[in-house]
Amino acid sequence: MSEEQLKDNCEDENIDSVKFNDGNDKMDEETKQNNNEELLSTINDLTAEINLVKSERDQEIEKLKNLNGMYVRLQSDFDNFRKRTTEQMKRTKEDGIVEALTAILPTLDVVNQALQMIKDENVSNGVKMIEKQLLNVLTTLGVEEISALGKPFDPDFHNAMLQTKAEKPEDEGKVMEVFQKGFKMGDRVLRHSVVKVAL
C-alpha cells in the first residue's frame, strides 16, 4: 500500500471514528437525561415518603402527649382519691372513738359522785382505782380534761350554767365553779365544762 492509500484509509477511519464518537455523545446525553429524570423521580418519591413518615411520626407524638396527659391526670385523681379516702377513714375512726367516749363520760361522772359519798376508806380506795383506770384509758386515746376553774370563760370549751357577781374586779369573766368536767380530744370537744361564771 502506498502512503497515499494509508492516509486515505486513516482519514476514512478518523472520519468513521469521529462519526461513531458523535453518535455515542448523543446517546450519552440522552442516557444522562433519562438517568437524571429517573433520579429526580426517585428523589420526589423519597421526599414524599419522608413527608409521610414525618406526618405519621408527628401524629404518634401527639397521641403520646395525649396519653401522657391522661396518665398525669389519672395519677393526680388517684392521689386525690387516696388522700380523701385516708382522711375519711381517719375521720370515721375518730367519730367512732368520740361516740364511744361520749358514752363513757357519764360513767366517770358517776364514779366521781360515788367518791364524794363513800365514807369507808377501803371502798373509796377501790373506786379511786377504777377512776384511775378510766382516766388512763381516756389519756391513751388522747382525751384530756378541759381546764376551767379560775380560767377566763371561753364559750368554745365552757357552758355557763350560772352567773354570780365577782367579788374582786380581776375575777370578772372567770370560771368560779365547775359543776361537770369537760373533755376534749385533740381539737374536738367531747363535752363542754358546765360552769359558774363571775360577772
N, C-alpha and C. Protein backbone atom coordinates (compact mmCIF):
# COMPACT_ATOMS: atom_id res chain seq x y z
N MET A 1 0.83 -1.17 0.00
CA MET A 1 0.00 0.00 0.00
C MET A 1 0.88 1.23 0.00
N SER A 2 0.39 2.19 -0.75
CA SER A 2 1.17 3.41 -0.86
C SER A 2 0.84 4.32 0.31
N GLU A 3 1.63 5.33 0.41
CA GLU A 3 1.44 6.26 1.52
C GLU A 3 0.12 6.97 1.40
N GLU A 4 -0.21 7.27 0.20
CA GLU A 4 -1.47 7.97 -0.01
C GLU A 4 -2.65 7.12 0.37
N GLN A 5 -2.60 5.87 0.06
CA GLN A 5 -3.71 4.97 0.41
C GLN A 5 -3.82 4.84 1.93
N LEU A 6 -2.66 4.80 2.56
CA LEU A 6 -2.68 4.72 4.02
C LEU A 6 -3.32 5.96 4.61
N LYS A 7 -2.95 7.12 4.09
CA LYS A 7 -3.51 8.37 4.57
C LYS A 7 -5.00 8.37 4.37
N ASP A 8 -5.40 7.94 3.18
CA ASP A 8 -6.84 7.92 2.89
C ASP A 8 -7.55 6.98 3.83
N ASN A 9 -6.93 5.83 4.04
CA ASN A 9 -7.51 4.85 4.96
C ASN A 9 -7.64 5.43 6.36
N CYS A 10 -6.59 6.08 6.81
CA CYS A 10 -6.58 6.67 8.16
C CYS A 10 -7.61 7.77 8.25
N GLU A 11 -7.68 8.56 7.19
CA GLU A 11 -8.66 9.63 7.20
C GLU A 11 -10.05 9.05 7.26
N ASP A 12 -10.27 7.98 6.45
CA ASP A 12 -11.59 7.33 6.48
C ASP A 12 -11.88 6.79 7.87
N GLU A 13 -10.88 6.16 8.48
CA GLU A 13 -11.06 5.61 9.83
C GLU A 13 -11.34 6.73 10.82
N ASN A 14 -10.59 7.85 10.70
CA ASN A 14 -10.81 9.00 11.59
C ASN A 14 -12.20 9.55 11.42
N ILE A 15 -12.64 9.63 10.22
CA ILE A 15 -13.99 10.14 9.97
C ILE A 15 -15.00 9.20 10.60
N ASP A 16 -14.81 7.90 10.38
CA ASP A 16 -15.73 6.93 10.98
C ASP A 16 -15.67 7.02 12.50
N SER A 17 -14.43 7.17 13.00
CA SER A 17 -14.26 7.26 14.45
C SER A 17 -14.97 8.49 14.98
N VAL A 18 -14.81 9.60 14.29
CA VAL A 18 -15.47 10.84 14.73
C VAL A 18 -16.97 10.68 14.63
N LYS A 19 -17.41 10.08 13.50
CA LYS A 19 -18.83 9.86 13.34
C LYS A 19 -19.34 8.97 14.47
N PHE A 20 -18.59 7.93 14.78
CA PHE A 20 -19.00 6.99 15.83
C PHE A 20 -19.04 7.70 17.18
N ASN A 21 -18.02 8.52 17.45
CA ASN A 21 -18.00 9.26 18.71
C ASN A 21 -19.16 10.23 18.80
N ASP A 22 -19.49 10.88 17.73
CA ASP A 22 -20.64 11.80 17.75
C ASP A 22 -21.91 11.05 18.08
N GLY A 23 -22.05 9.88 17.61
CA GLY A 23 -23.24 9.06 17.93
C GLY A 23 -23.27 8.69 19.40
N ASN A 24 -22.10 8.36 19.93
CA ASN A 24 -22.01 8.00 21.36
C ASN A 24 -22.32 9.20 22.23
N ASP A 25 -21.84 10.38 21.88
CA ASP A 25 -22.10 11.58 22.68
C ASP A 25 -23.60 11.87 22.74
N LYS A 26 -24.28 11.74 21.61
CA LYS A 26 -25.72 11.96 21.61
C LYS A 26 -26.42 10.94 22.50
N MET A 27 -25.95 9.69 22.42
CA MET A 27 -26.54 8.63 23.23
C MET A 27 -26.25 8.86 24.71
N ASP A 28 -25.05 9.32 25.00
CA ASP A 28 -24.69 9.59 26.40
C ASP A 28 -25.56 10.70 26.98
N GLU A 29 -25.83 11.73 26.21
CA GLU A 29 -26.67 12.84 26.69
C GLU A 29 -28.09 12.35 26.97
N GLU A 30 -28.63 11.54 26.09
CA GLU A 30 -29.97 11.00 26.30
C GLU A 30 -30.01 10.11 27.53
N THR A 31 -28.98 9.29 27.70
CA THR A 31 -28.90 8.40 28.85
C THR A 31 -28.80 9.21 30.14
N LYS A 32 -27.96 10.26 30.07
CA LYS A 32 -27.81 11.13 31.24
C LYS A 32 -29.13 11.80 31.57
N GLN A 33 -29.82 12.28 30.54
CA GLN A 33 -31.10 12.95 30.78
C GLN A 33 -32.11 11.97 31.36
N ASN A 34 -32.14 10.75 30.81
CA ASN A 34 -33.04 9.71 31.35
C ASN A 34 -32.68 9.37 32.79
N ASN A 35 -31.37 9.24 33.03
CA ASN A 35 -30.91 8.94 34.40
C ASN A 35 -31.29 10.07 35.35
N ASN A 36 -31.11 11.32 34.89
CA ASN A 36 -31.47 12.47 35.72
C ASN A 36 -32.96 12.49 36.02
N GLU A 37 -33.76 12.18 35.02
CA GLU A 37 -35.22 12.16 35.23
C GLU A 37 -35.60 11.06 36.21
N GLU A 38 -34.99 9.89 36.07
CA GLU A 38 -35.25 8.79 37.00
C GLU A 38 -34.81 9.14 38.42
N LEU A 39 -33.64 9.78 38.50
CA LEU A 39 -33.12 10.20 39.79
C LEU A 39 -34.05 11.23 40.43
N LEU A 40 -34.52 12.19 39.64
CA LEU A 40 -35.44 13.21 40.13
C LEU A 40 -36.75 12.57 40.58
N SER A 41 -37.23 11.63 39.82
CA SER A 41 -38.46 10.91 40.18
C SER A 41 -38.27 10.14 41.49
N THR A 42 -37.11 9.48 41.63
CA THR A 42 -36.80 8.73 42.85
C THR A 42 -36.70 9.68 44.05
N ILE A 43 -36.05 10.83 43.84
CA ILE A 43 -35.91 11.83 44.91
C ILE A 43 -37.29 12.32 45.33
N ASN A 44 -38.14 12.60 44.33
CA ASN A 44 -39.50 13.06 44.63
C ASN A 44 -40.28 11.99 45.41
N ASP A 45 -40.14 10.73 44.99
CA ASP A 45 -40.81 9.63 45.70
C ASP A 45 -40.31 9.51 47.14
N LEU A 46 -38.97 9.60 47.29
CA LEU A 46 -38.39 9.51 48.64
C LEU A 46 -38.82 10.68 49.50
N THR A 47 -38.87 11.88 48.93
CA THR A 47 -39.31 13.07 49.67
C THR A 47 -40.75 12.89 50.13
N ALA A 48 -41.59 12.37 49.24
CA ALA A 48 -43.00 12.13 49.60
C ALA A 48 -43.08 11.11 50.73
N GLU A 49 -42.27 10.05 50.64
CA GLU A 49 -42.26 9.04 51.71
C GLU A 49 -41.77 9.62 53.03
N ILE A 50 -40.72 10.44 52.97
CA ILE A 50 -40.18 11.09 54.17
C ILE A 50 -41.25 11.98 54.81
N ASN A 51 -41.95 12.75 53.96
CA ASN A 51 -43.01 13.62 54.48
C ASN A 51 -44.13 12.80 55.11
N LEU A 52 -44.47 11.67 54.51
CA LEU A 52 -45.50 10.79 55.07
C LEU A 52 -45.05 10.23 56.42
N VAL A 53 -43.79 9.79 56.47
CA VAL A 53 -43.25 9.26 57.73
C VAL A 53 -43.21 10.35 58.80
N LYS A 54 -42.82 11.57 58.42
CA LYS A 54 -42.80 12.69 59.38
C LYS A 54 -44.21 12.97 59.89
N SER A 55 -45.17 12.94 58.98
CA SER A 55 -46.56 13.20 59.38
C SER A 55 -47.04 12.12 60.36
N GLU A 56 -46.74 10.86 60.05
CA GLU A 56 -47.12 9.76 60.95
C GLU A 56 -46.41 9.90 62.29
N ARG A 57 -45.12 10.27 62.25
CA ARG A 57 -44.36 10.48 63.49
C ARG A 57 -45.00 11.59 64.33
N ASP A 58 -45.37 12.70 63.68
CA ASP A 58 -46.00 13.81 64.40
C ASP A 58 -47.32 13.38 65.02
N GLN A 59 -48.10 12.57 64.29
CA GLN A 59 -49.36 12.06 64.84
C GLN A 59 -49.11 11.17 66.05
N GLU A 60 -48.09 10.32 65.95
CA GLU A 60 -47.76 9.43 67.08
C GLU A 60 -47.27 10.23 68.28
N ILE A 61 -46.48 11.28 68.01
CA ILE A 61 -46.01 12.15 69.11
C ILE A 61 -47.21 12.80 69.79
N GLU A 62 -48.17 13.28 68.99
CA GLU A 62 -49.37 13.91 69.55
C GLU A 62 -50.18 12.91 70.38
N LYS A 63 -50.30 11.68 69.87
CA LYS A 63 -51.00 10.63 70.63
C LYS A 63 -50.28 10.37 71.95
N LEU A 64 -48.96 10.32 71.89
CA LEU A 64 -48.16 10.07 73.09
C LEU A 64 -48.34 11.20 74.10
N LYS A 65 -48.37 12.45 73.62
CA LYS A 65 -48.59 13.58 74.51
C LYS A 65 -49.97 13.48 75.17
N ASN A 66 -50.98 13.12 74.38
CA ASN A 66 -52.33 12.97 74.92
C ASN A 66 -52.39 11.86 75.97
N LEU A 67 -51.74 10.73 75.66
CA LEU A 67 -51.71 9.61 76.61
C LEU A 67 -50.97 10.00 77.88
N ASN A 68 -49.88 10.73 77.73
CA ASN A 68 -49.11 11.19 78.89
C ASN A 68 -49.95 12.13 79.75
N GLY A 69 -50.68 13.04 79.10
CA GLY A 69 -51.56 13.95 79.82
C GLY A 69 -52.65 13.19 80.57
N MET A 70 -53.22 12.17 79.91
CA MET A 70 -54.24 11.35 80.57
C MET A 70 -53.64 10.62 81.76
N TYR A 71 -52.42 10.12 81.59
CA TYR A 71 -51.76 9.41 82.69
C TYR A 71 -51.53 10.33 83.88
N VAL A 72 -51.05 11.55 83.60
CA VAL A 72 -50.78 12.51 84.69
C VAL A 72 -52.09 12.85 85.42
N ARG A 73 -53.17 13.09 84.65
CA ARG A 73 -54.46 13.40 85.27
C ARG A 73 -54.97 12.22 86.08
N LEU A 74 -54.84 11.02 85.54
CA LEU A 74 -55.29 9.82 86.25
C LEU A 74 -54.49 9.63 87.53
N GLN A 75 -53.19 9.84 87.46
CA GLN A 75 -52.34 9.71 88.65
C GLN A 75 -52.75 10.74 89.70
N SER A 76 -53.01 11.97 89.26
CA SER A 76 -53.43 13.03 90.17
C SER A 76 -54.78 12.69 90.80
N ASP A 77 -55.71 12.20 89.98
CA ASP A 77 -57.03 11.81 90.51
C ASP A 77 -56.88 10.69 91.53
N PHE A 78 -56.01 9.73 91.24
CA PHE A 78 -55.82 8.62 92.16
C PHE A 78 -55.22 9.10 93.48
N ASP A 79 -54.23 10.01 93.39
CA ASP A 79 -53.63 10.56 94.62
C ASP A 79 -54.66 11.30 95.45
N ASN A 80 -55.50 12.10 94.77
CA ASN A 80 -56.56 12.82 95.49
C ASN A 80 -57.54 11.85 96.13
N PHE A 81 -57.91 10.80 95.39
CA PHE A 81 -58.83 9.78 95.93
C PHE A 81 -58.22 9.11 97.15
N ARG A 82 -56.94 8.76 97.05
CA ARG A 82 -56.26 8.09 98.16
C ARG A 82 -56.22 9.00 99.39
N LYS A 83 -55.90 10.27 99.19
CA LYS A 83 -55.86 11.22 100.30
C LYS A 83 -57.24 11.39 100.93
N ARG A 84 -58.28 11.54 100.05
CA ARG A 84 -59.64 11.68 100.58
C ARG A 84 -60.07 10.44 101.35
N THR A 85 -59.75 9.27 100.80
CA THR A 85 -60.13 8.02 101.46
C THR A 85 -59.42 7.88 102.80
N THR A 86 -58.13 8.20 102.83
CA THR A 86 -57.36 8.13 104.08
C THR A 86 -57.94 9.09 105.11
N GLU A 87 -58.24 10.31 104.66
CA GLU A 87 -58.81 11.31 105.57
C GLU A 87 -60.19 10.88 106.07
N GLN A 88 -60.98 10.30 105.15
CA GLN A 88 -62.32 9.84 105.52
C GLN A 88 -62.24 8.69 106.52
N MET A 89 -61.31 7.76 106.29
CA MET A 89 -61.15 6.64 107.23
C MET A 89 -60.71 7.14 108.60
N LYS A 90 -59.78 8.10 108.60
CA LYS A 90 -59.31 8.68 109.86
C LYS A 90 -60.46 9.36 110.59
N ARG A 91 -61.26 10.12 109.83
CA ARG A 91 -62.38 10.84 110.43
C ARG A 91 -63.44 9.86 110.95
N THR A 92 -63.71 8.80 110.20
CA THR A 92 -64.69 7.80 110.64
C THR A 92 -64.23 7.11 111.91
N LYS A 93 -62.95 6.76 111.96
CA LYS A 93 -62.38 6.13 113.17
C LYS A 93 -62.50 7.09 114.35
N GLU A 94 -62.14 8.35 114.11
CA GLU A 94 -62.20 9.35 115.18
C GLU A 94 -63.64 9.55 115.64
N ASP A 95 -64.59 9.56 114.70
CA ASP A 95 -66.01 9.71 115.07
C ASP A 95 -66.47 8.54 115.93
N GLY A 96 -66.03 7.34 115.60
CA GLY A 96 -66.38 6.16 116.41
C GLY A 96 -65.83 6.26 117.82
N ILE A 97 -64.57 6.71 117.92
CA ILE A 97 -63.94 6.87 119.25
C ILE A 97 -64.68 7.95 120.04
N VAL A 98 -65.01 9.06 119.39
CA VAL A 98 -65.72 10.15 120.07
C VAL A 98 -67.07 9.66 120.57
N GLU A 99 -67.76 8.91 119.75
CA GLU A 99 -69.08 8.38 120.15
C GLU A 99 -68.95 7.46 121.36
N ALA A 100 -67.95 6.59 121.34
CA ALA A 100 -67.75 5.67 122.48
C ALA A 100 -67.35 6.45 123.73
N LEU A 101 -66.47 7.42 123.58
CA LEU A 101 -66.03 8.20 124.74
C LEU A 101 -67.16 9.03 125.33
N THR A 102 -67.98 9.58 124.46
CA THR A 102 -69.12 10.36 124.94
C THR A 102 -70.05 9.48 125.78
N ALA A 103 -70.16 8.21 125.42
CA ALA A 103 -70.98 7.28 126.20
C ALA A 103 -70.30 6.91 127.52
N ILE A 104 -68.96 6.93 127.57
CA ILE A 104 -68.23 6.55 128.80
C ILE A 104 -68.18 7.69 129.81
N LEU A 105 -68.17 8.94 129.35
CA LEU A 105 -68.01 10.09 130.25
C LEU A 105 -69.04 10.13 131.40
N PRO A 106 -70.31 9.82 131.16
CA PRO A 106 -71.25 9.81 132.30
C PRO A 106 -70.86 8.80 133.39
N THR A 107 -70.23 7.69 132.96
CA THR A 107 -69.77 6.70 133.94
C THR A 107 -68.69 7.31 134.82
N LEU A 108 -67.81 8.10 134.25
CA LEU A 108 -66.78 8.78 135.02
C LEU A 108 -67.41 9.76 136.01
N ASP A 109 -68.48 10.43 135.58
CA ASP A 109 -69.20 11.35 136.49
C ASP A 109 -69.77 10.59 137.68
N VAL A 110 -70.35 9.43 137.41
CA VAL A 110 -70.94 8.62 138.50
C VAL A 110 -69.86 8.17 139.46
N VAL A 111 -68.68 7.80 138.94
CA VAL A 111 -67.57 7.38 139.80
C VAL A 111 -67.15 8.56 140.69
N ASN A 112 -67.06 9.77 140.12
CA ASN A 112 -66.70 10.96 140.90
C ASN A 112 -67.73 11.23 142.00
N GLN A 113 -69.00 11.10 141.67
CA GLN A 113 -70.06 11.31 142.67
C GLN A 113 -69.97 10.25 143.77
N ALA A 114 -69.68 9.01 143.37
CA ALA A 114 -69.58 7.93 144.36
C ALA A 114 -68.43 8.21 145.32
N LEU A 115 -67.31 8.71 144.79
CA LEU A 115 -66.17 9.02 145.65
C LEU A 115 -66.53 10.06 146.71
N GLN A 116 -67.36 11.02 146.35
CA GLN A 116 -67.76 12.05 147.31
C GLN A 116 -68.69 11.51 148.39
N MET A 117 -69.43 10.45 148.09
CA MET A 117 -70.41 9.93 149.04
C MET A 117 -69.87 8.79 149.91
N ILE A 118 -68.87 8.08 149.42
CA ILE A 118 -68.37 6.90 150.14
C ILE A 118 -67.58 7.35 151.36
N LYS A 119 -67.95 6.76 152.51
CA LYS A 119 -67.26 7.09 153.76
C LYS A 119 -66.17 6.06 154.09
N ASP A 120 -66.39 4.82 153.69
CA ASP A 120 -65.44 3.74 154.00
C ASP A 120 -64.19 3.93 153.15
N GLU A 121 -63.04 3.97 153.81
CA GLU A 121 -61.78 4.25 153.11
C GLU A 121 -61.39 3.13 152.15
N ASN A 122 -61.61 1.87 152.51
CA ASN A 122 -61.26 0.74 151.63
C ASN A 122 -62.09 0.78 150.35
N VAL A 123 -63.39 1.03 150.52
CA VAL A 123 -64.26 1.10 149.33
C VAL A 123 -63.86 2.31 148.49
N SER A 124 -63.55 3.42 149.15
CA SER A 124 -63.14 4.64 148.45
C SER A 124 -61.86 4.40 147.64
N ASN A 125 -60.90 3.67 148.23
CA ASN A 125 -59.65 3.35 147.51
C ASN A 125 -59.94 2.49 146.28
N GLY A 126 -60.85 1.54 146.40
CA GLY A 126 -61.22 0.69 145.25
C GLY A 126 -61.84 1.50 144.13
N VAL A 127 -62.73 2.44 144.48
CA VAL A 127 -63.38 3.28 143.47
C VAL A 127 -62.36 4.22 142.84
N LYS A 128 -61.40 4.71 143.64
CA LYS A 128 -60.34 5.57 143.09
C LYS A 128 -59.51 4.82 142.05
N MET A 129 -59.28 3.54 142.29
CA MET A 129 -58.52 2.73 141.32
C MET A 129 -59.31 2.61 140.01
N ILE A 130 -60.63 2.43 140.13
CA ILE A 130 -61.48 2.35 138.93
C ILE A 130 -61.42 3.69 138.18
N GLU A 131 -61.50 4.79 138.92
CA GLU A 131 -61.44 6.11 138.30
C GLU A 131 -60.09 6.30 137.59
N LYS A 132 -59.02 5.86 138.24
CA LYS A 132 -57.68 6.00 137.66
C LYS A 132 -57.58 5.20 136.35
N GLN A 133 -58.14 3.99 136.33
CA GLN A 133 -58.11 3.17 135.12
C GLN A 133 -58.90 3.85 133.99
N LEU A 134 -60.07 4.39 134.35
CA LEU A 134 -60.87 5.10 133.33
C LEU A 134 -60.09 6.28 132.76
N LEU A 135 -59.45 7.05 133.64
CA LEU A 135 -58.68 8.21 133.18
C LEU A 135 -57.48 7.80 132.33
N ASN A 136 -56.85 6.66 132.68
CA ASN A 136 -55.74 6.14 131.86
C ASN A 136 -56.20 5.76 130.46
N VAL A 137 -57.38 5.14 130.38
CA VAL A 137 -57.94 4.78 129.07
C VAL A 137 -58.18 6.04 128.25
N LEU A 138 -58.77 7.05 128.89
CA LEU A 138 -59.05 8.30 128.18
C LEU A 138 -57.75 8.97 127.70
N THR A 139 -56.74 8.97 128.56
CA THR A 139 -55.45 9.58 128.21
C THR A 139 -54.81 8.83 127.03
N THR A 140 -54.89 7.50 127.07
CA THR A 140 -54.34 6.68 125.98
C THR A 140 -54.98 7.04 124.64
N LEU A 141 -56.26 7.38 124.67
CA LEU A 141 -56.97 7.72 123.44
C LEU A 141 -56.82 9.20 123.06
N GLY A 142 -56.00 9.92 123.83
CA GLY A 142 -55.75 11.32 123.51
C GLY A 142 -56.77 12.29 124.09
N VAL A 143 -57.53 11.83 125.08
CA VAL A 143 -58.54 12.69 125.70
C VAL A 143 -57.91 13.40 126.89
N GLU A 144 -58.21 14.70 127.00
CA GLU A 144 -57.72 15.45 128.15
C GLU A 144 -58.85 16.30 128.73
N GLU A 145 -58.73 16.56 130.00
CA GLU A 145 -59.73 17.37 130.68
C GLU A 145 -59.57 18.83 130.27
N ILE A 146 -60.69 19.51 130.10
CA ILE A 146 -60.65 20.94 129.78
C ILE A 146 -60.50 21.69 131.10
N SER A 147 -59.40 22.41 131.23
CA SER A 147 -59.20 23.17 132.47
C SER A 147 -60.15 24.37 132.46
N ALA A 148 -60.84 24.57 133.60
CA ALA A 148 -61.85 25.62 133.64
C ALA A 148 -61.74 26.50 134.87
N LEU A 149 -61.55 25.92 136.03
CA LEU A 149 -61.59 26.67 137.29
C LEU A 149 -60.53 27.78 137.30
N GLY A 150 -61.00 29.02 137.51
CA GLY A 150 -60.09 30.17 137.56
C GLY A 150 -59.66 30.67 136.20
N LYS A 151 -60.09 30.04 135.13
CA LYS A 151 -59.72 30.44 133.76
C LYS A 151 -60.78 31.40 133.21
N PRO A 152 -60.39 32.23 132.25
CA PRO A 152 -61.39 33.09 131.60
C PRO A 152 -62.44 32.22 130.89
N PHE A 153 -63.69 32.65 130.95
CA PHE A 153 -64.77 31.91 130.32
C PHE A 153 -64.56 31.89 128.79
N ASP A 154 -64.64 30.69 128.21
CA ASP A 154 -64.49 30.50 126.77
C ASP A 154 -65.67 29.67 126.28
N PRO A 155 -66.57 30.26 125.49
CA PRO A 155 -67.76 29.52 125.06
C PRO A 155 -67.44 28.31 124.18
N ASP A 156 -66.22 28.26 123.63
CA ASP A 156 -65.84 27.08 122.84
C ASP A 156 -65.61 25.86 123.73
N PHE A 157 -65.28 26.10 125.01
CA PHE A 157 -64.97 24.99 125.93
C PHE A 157 -65.87 24.94 127.16
N HIS A 158 -66.51 26.06 127.48
CA HIS A 158 -67.31 26.14 128.71
C HIS A 158 -68.78 26.42 128.40
N ASN A 159 -69.63 25.83 129.23
CA ASN A 159 -71.06 26.07 129.14
C ASN A 159 -71.48 26.71 130.46
N ALA A 160 -71.87 28.00 130.43
CA ALA A 160 -72.22 28.72 131.66
C ALA A 160 -73.61 28.31 132.13
N MET A 161 -73.66 27.68 133.31
CA MET A 161 -74.94 27.26 133.88
C MET A 161 -75.48 28.35 134.81
N LEU A 162 -74.57 28.99 135.54
CA LEU A 162 -74.94 30.05 136.48
C LEU A 162 -74.00 31.23 136.34
N GLN A 163 -74.50 32.37 136.76
CA GLN A 163 -73.68 33.57 136.81
C GLN A 163 -73.69 34.11 138.24
N THR A 164 -72.60 34.66 138.66
CA THR A 164 -72.52 35.22 140.01
C THR A 164 -71.77 36.54 139.94
N LYS A 165 -71.99 37.36 140.93
CA LYS A 165 -71.30 38.66 140.96
C LYS A 165 -69.86 38.44 141.40
N ALA A 166 -68.92 39.08 140.71
CA ALA A 166 -67.50 38.94 141.03
C ALA A 166 -67.18 39.67 142.32
N GLU A 167 -66.48 38.97 143.21
CA GLU A 167 -66.08 39.59 144.48
C GLU A 167 -64.89 40.54 144.26
N LYS A 168 -64.03 40.21 143.33
CA LYS A 168 -62.87 41.05 143.00
C LYS A 168 -62.96 41.43 141.53
N PRO A 169 -62.46 42.59 141.18
CA PRO A 169 -62.52 43.01 139.77
C PRO A 169 -61.75 42.05 138.83
N GLU A 170 -60.66 41.46 139.32
CA GLU A 170 -59.88 40.54 138.45
C GLU A 170 -60.60 39.22 138.19
N ASP A 171 -61.68 38.92 138.96
CA ASP A 171 -62.44 37.68 138.76
C ASP A 171 -63.50 37.81 137.68
N GLU A 172 -63.73 39.01 137.20
CA GLU A 172 -64.78 39.21 136.20
C GLU A 172 -64.48 38.40 134.94
N GLY A 173 -65.49 37.67 134.48
CA GLY A 173 -65.36 36.86 133.27
C GLY A 173 -64.64 35.54 133.48
N LYS A 174 -64.34 35.19 134.72
CA LYS A 174 -63.63 33.93 135.01
C LYS A 174 -64.59 32.88 135.54
N VAL A 175 -64.18 31.62 135.38
CA VAL A 175 -64.97 30.49 135.89
C VAL A 175 -64.71 30.37 137.38
N MET A 176 -65.80 30.41 138.17
CA MET A 176 -65.67 30.37 139.63
C MET A 176 -65.93 28.97 140.19
N GLU A 177 -66.72 28.16 139.46
CA GLU A 177 -67.03 26.82 139.96
C GLU A 177 -67.31 25.91 138.76
N VAL A 178 -66.91 24.63 138.90
CA VAL A 178 -67.15 23.65 137.83
C VAL A 178 -68.15 22.63 138.34
N PHE A 179 -69.29 22.52 137.65
CA PHE A 179 -70.32 21.55 138.04
C PHE A 179 -70.10 20.19 137.37
N GLN A 180 -69.59 20.24 136.16
CA GLN A 180 -69.32 18.99 135.42
C GLN A 180 -68.06 19.21 134.57
N LYS A 181 -67.11 18.28 134.69
CA LYS A 181 -65.85 18.42 133.94
C LYS A 181 -66.09 18.27 132.44
N GLY A 182 -65.34 19.05 131.68
CA GLY A 182 -65.39 18.95 130.22
C GLY A 182 -64.16 18.21 129.71
N PHE A 183 -64.28 17.61 128.53
CA PHE A 183 -63.17 16.84 127.95
C PHE A 183 -63.06 17.15 126.47
N LYS A 184 -61.83 17.08 125.98
CA LYS A 184 -61.59 17.27 124.54
C LYS A 184 -60.60 16.22 124.05
N MET A 185 -60.67 15.94 122.76
CA MET A 185 -59.73 15.01 122.12
C MET A 185 -59.13 15.75 120.92
N GLY A 186 -57.89 16.15 121.07
CA GLY A 186 -57.28 16.98 120.03
C GLY A 186 -57.99 18.32 120.01
N ASP A 187 -58.51 18.67 118.83
CA ASP A 187 -59.23 19.95 118.73
C ASP A 187 -60.75 19.76 118.82
N ARG A 188 -61.20 18.54 119.08
CA ARG A 188 -62.64 18.27 119.17
C ARG A 188 -63.08 18.24 120.64
N VAL A 189 -64.11 18.98 120.93
CA VAL A 189 -64.66 19.00 122.29
C VAL A 189 -65.65 17.84 122.40
N LEU A 190 -65.37 16.94 123.37
CA LEU A 190 -66.28 15.81 123.61
C LEU A 190 -67.46 16.27 124.46
N ARG A 191 -67.15 17.11 125.43
CA ARG A 191 -68.19 17.64 126.30
C ARG A 191 -67.69 18.95 126.90
N HIS A 192 -68.53 19.96 126.87
CA HIS A 192 -68.17 21.27 127.44
C HIS A 192 -68.19 21.18 128.97
N SER A 193 -67.33 21.95 129.60
CA SER A 193 -67.38 22.06 131.07
C SER A 193 -68.60 22.88 131.44
N VAL A 194 -69.38 22.37 132.39
CA VAL A 194 -70.55 23.12 132.90
C VAL A 194 -70.07 23.91 134.08
N VAL A 195 -70.19 25.26 134.02
CA VAL A 195 -69.52 26.12 135.00
C VAL A 195 -70.42 27.27 135.50
N LYS A 196 -69.91 27.91 136.56
CA LYS A 196 -70.49 29.15 137.07
C LYS A 196 -69.49 30.25 136.78
N VAL A 197 -69.99 31.37 136.21
CA VAL A 197 -69.10 32.44 135.75
C VAL A 197 -69.35 33.71 136.59
N ALA A 198 -68.27 34.38 136.94
CA ALA A 198 -68.36 35.63 137.67
C ALA A 198 -68.49 36.78 136.69
N LEU A 199 -69.44 37.71 137.01
CA LEU A 199 -69.62 38.89 136.15
C LEU A 199 -69.29 40.17 136.89
